[in-house]
Amino acid sequence: MALRDQIRIMVVDDMSTSRGLITQALDSFGVRDVAVAENGKEALHALAKRPVHLVISDYNMPEIDGLKLLHYLRAGASTKGVGFVLVTGRAEQEIIDHGKKLGMNNYLKKPFQPEDLRNCIEAVVGRL
């Protein structure tokens, strides 16, 4: 069975358009088990009930931003090993360095093409 048939991914973004673009790209890769959340707080609640293998999160969100979400994930016993990809329009070195210190696995700068997303994900989890 291919990885794309087994992997569970959560997309976290406060913008429905961005969530839609990422989930459509995942669907085109054959990834069917995709959960969505509108912000970090909602994501943490959902992940406590049903864990995932990979979180793809926007950086700039209300309440809990992408890096705070990463911090909480790495601090949790059941979520510390979850793969994490940060998606941001602000790929400033300071943000990237902070993400790496927190344990970010990869990042992707907006705007991006579906193939960029695929390459970014595959660098973390392996070939889909």
Protein backbone atom coordinates (compact mmCIF):
# COMPACT_ATOMS: atom_id res chain seq x y z
CA MET A 1 0.00 0.00 0.00
CA ALA A 2 1.36 3.43 -0.97
CA LEU A 3 2.12 6.06 1.65
CA ARG A 4 -0.55 8.35 0.14
CA ASP A 5 -3.16 5.69 1.06
CA GLN A 6 -2.04 5.54 4.70
CA ILE A 7 -0.96 9.05 5.65
CA ARG A 8 -3.26 11.39 7.59
CA ILE A 9 -2.60 15.12 7.15
CA MET A 10 -4.05 18.17 8.86
CA VAL A 11 -4.17 21.51 7.03
CA VAL A 12 -4.35 24.52 9.36
CA ASP A 13 -5.07 27.93 7.83
CA ASP A 14 -7.49 30.73 8.73
CA MET A 15 -8.10 31.50 5.05
CA SER A 16 -10.57 29.10 3.43
CA THR A 17 -9.05 29.75 -0.01
CA SER A 18 -5.60 28.66 1.18
CA ARG A 19 -7.02 25.58 2.92
CA GLY A 20 -8.86 24.72 -0.29
CA LEU A 21 -5.77 25.09 -2.49
CA ILE A 22 -3.74 22.80 -0.22
CA THR A 23 -6.48 20.18 0.19
CA GLN A 24 -7.10 20.16 -3.60
CA ALA A 25 -3.39 19.63 -4.20
CA LEU A 26 -3.31 16.79 -1.64
CA ASP A 27 -6.30 15.21 -3.34
CA SER A 28 -4.53 15.42 -6.70
CA PHE A 29 -1.58 13.54 -5.13
CA GLY A 30 -3.98 10.80 -4.00
CA VAL A 31 -3.96 11.76 -0.31
CA ARG A 32 -7.53 11.22 0.91
CA ASP A 33 -7.28 11.34 4.73
CA VAL A 34 -7.10 15.10 5.25
CA ALA A 35 -8.44 17.06 8.21
CA VAL A 36 -8.71 20.86 8.31
CA ALA A 37 -8.67 23.48 11.05
CA GLU A 38 -9.12 27.24 10.89
CA ASN A 39 -6.49 28.08 13.51
CA GLY A 40 -3.97 26.58 15.92
CA LYS A 41 -6.42 26.34 18.79
CA GLU A 42 -8.93 24.35 16.70
CA ALA A 43 -6.08 22.17 15.41
CA LEU A 44 -4.89 21.28 18.92
CA HIS A 45 -8.42 20.23 19.96
CA ALA A 46 -8.83 18.08 16.84
CA LEU A 47 -5.38 16.50 17.17
CA ALA A 48 -6.10 15.51 20.77
CA LYS A 49 -9.03 13.44 19.46
CA ARG A 50 -7.48 12.08 16.27
CA PRO A 51 -3.74 12.38 15.66
CA VAL A 52 -2.15 12.87 12.24
CA HIS A 53 1.22 12.08 10.67
CA LEU A 54 1.79 15.57 9.25
CA VAL A 55 0.55 19.10 9.94
CA ILE A 56 0.71 21.70 7.18
CA SER A 57 0.15 25.03 8.89
CA ASP A 58 -0.04 28.66 7.88
CA TYR A 59 2.21 30.98 9.87
CA ASN A 60 -0.02 34.02 10.33
CA MET A 61 -3.28 33.06 12.10
CA PRO A 62 -5.34 34.53 14.94
CA GLU A 63 -5.19 33.11 18.48
CA ILE A 64 -2.39 30.57 17.96
CA ASP A 65 -0.07 31.18 14.99
CA GLY A 66 1.84 28.45 13.15
CA LEU A 67 4.98 28.62 15.29
CA LYS A 68 3.03 28.61 18.56
CA LEU A 69 1.12 25.58 17.24
CA LEU A 70 4.45 23.90 16.49
CA HIS A 71 5.67 24.71 20.01
CA TYR A 72 2.57 23.09 21.55
CA LEU A 73 2.87 20.05 19.27
CA ARG A 74 6.52 19.48 20.21
CA ALA A 75 5.67 19.86 23.92
CA GLY A 76 2.89 17.23 23.81
CA ALA A 77 3.73 13.58 24.45
CA SER A 78 1.36 12.30 21.75
CA THR A 79 2.21 14.99 19.17
CA LYS A 80 5.94 15.61 19.56
CA GLY A 81 6.80 13.35 16.62
CA VAL A 82 4.25 14.76 14.17
CA GLY A 83 5.78 16.10 10.95
CA PHE A 84 5.35 19.86 10.56
CA VAL A 85 5.45 22.04 7.44
CA LEU A 86 5.05 25.81 7.81
CA VAL A 87 3.46 27.66 4.90
CA THR A 88 4.07 31.40 4.88
CA GLY A 89 4.06 34.45 2.68
CA ARG A 90 6.70 35.85 5.03
CA ALA A 91 9.63 33.47 4.62
CA GLU A 92 11.93 35.80 6.55
CA GLN A 93 15.09 34.19 7.91
CA GLU A 94 14.11 35.02 11.51
CA ILE A 95 10.81 33.11 11.16
CA ILE A 96 12.50 30.14 9.47
CA ASP A 97 15.30 30.00 12.07
CA HIS A 98 12.78 30.14 14.92
CA GLY A 99 10.75 27.38 13.29
CA LYS A 100 13.84 25.19 12.92
CA LYS A 101 14.71 25.70 16.60
CA LEU A 102 11.20 24.56 17.51
CA GLY A 103 11.52 21.43 15.36
CA MET A 104 9.89 22.45 12.08
CA ASN A 105 10.55 19.79 9.43
CA ASN A 106 10.16 21.99 6.35
CA TYR A 107 8.59 25.21 5.07
CA LEU A 108 7.01 26.49 1.90
CA LYS A 109 6.76 30.09 0.73
CA LYS A 110 3.45 31.37 -0.67
CA PRO A 111 2.52 31.50 -3.46
CA PHE A 112 3.48 27.98 -4.51
CA GLN A 113 2.64 25.42 -7.15
CA PRO A 114 1.19 21.98 -6.26
CA GLU A 115 4.47 20.33 -7.27
CA ASP A 116 6.32 22.57 -4.77
CA LEU A 117 3.96 21.37 -2.05
CA ARG A 118 4.48 17.75 -3.07
CA ASN A 119 8.28 18.11 -2.97
CA CYS A 120 8.08 19.84 0.41
CA ILE A 121 5.90 17.07 1.88
CA GLU A 122 7.98 14.26 0.37
CA ALA A 123 11.13 15.75 1.90
CA VAL A 124 9.49 15.15 5.30
CA VAL A 125 7.52 11.89 4.96
CA GLY A 126 8.90 10.16 1.86
CA ARG A 127 7.44 9.51 -1.57
CA LEU A 128 3.65 9.80 -1.72
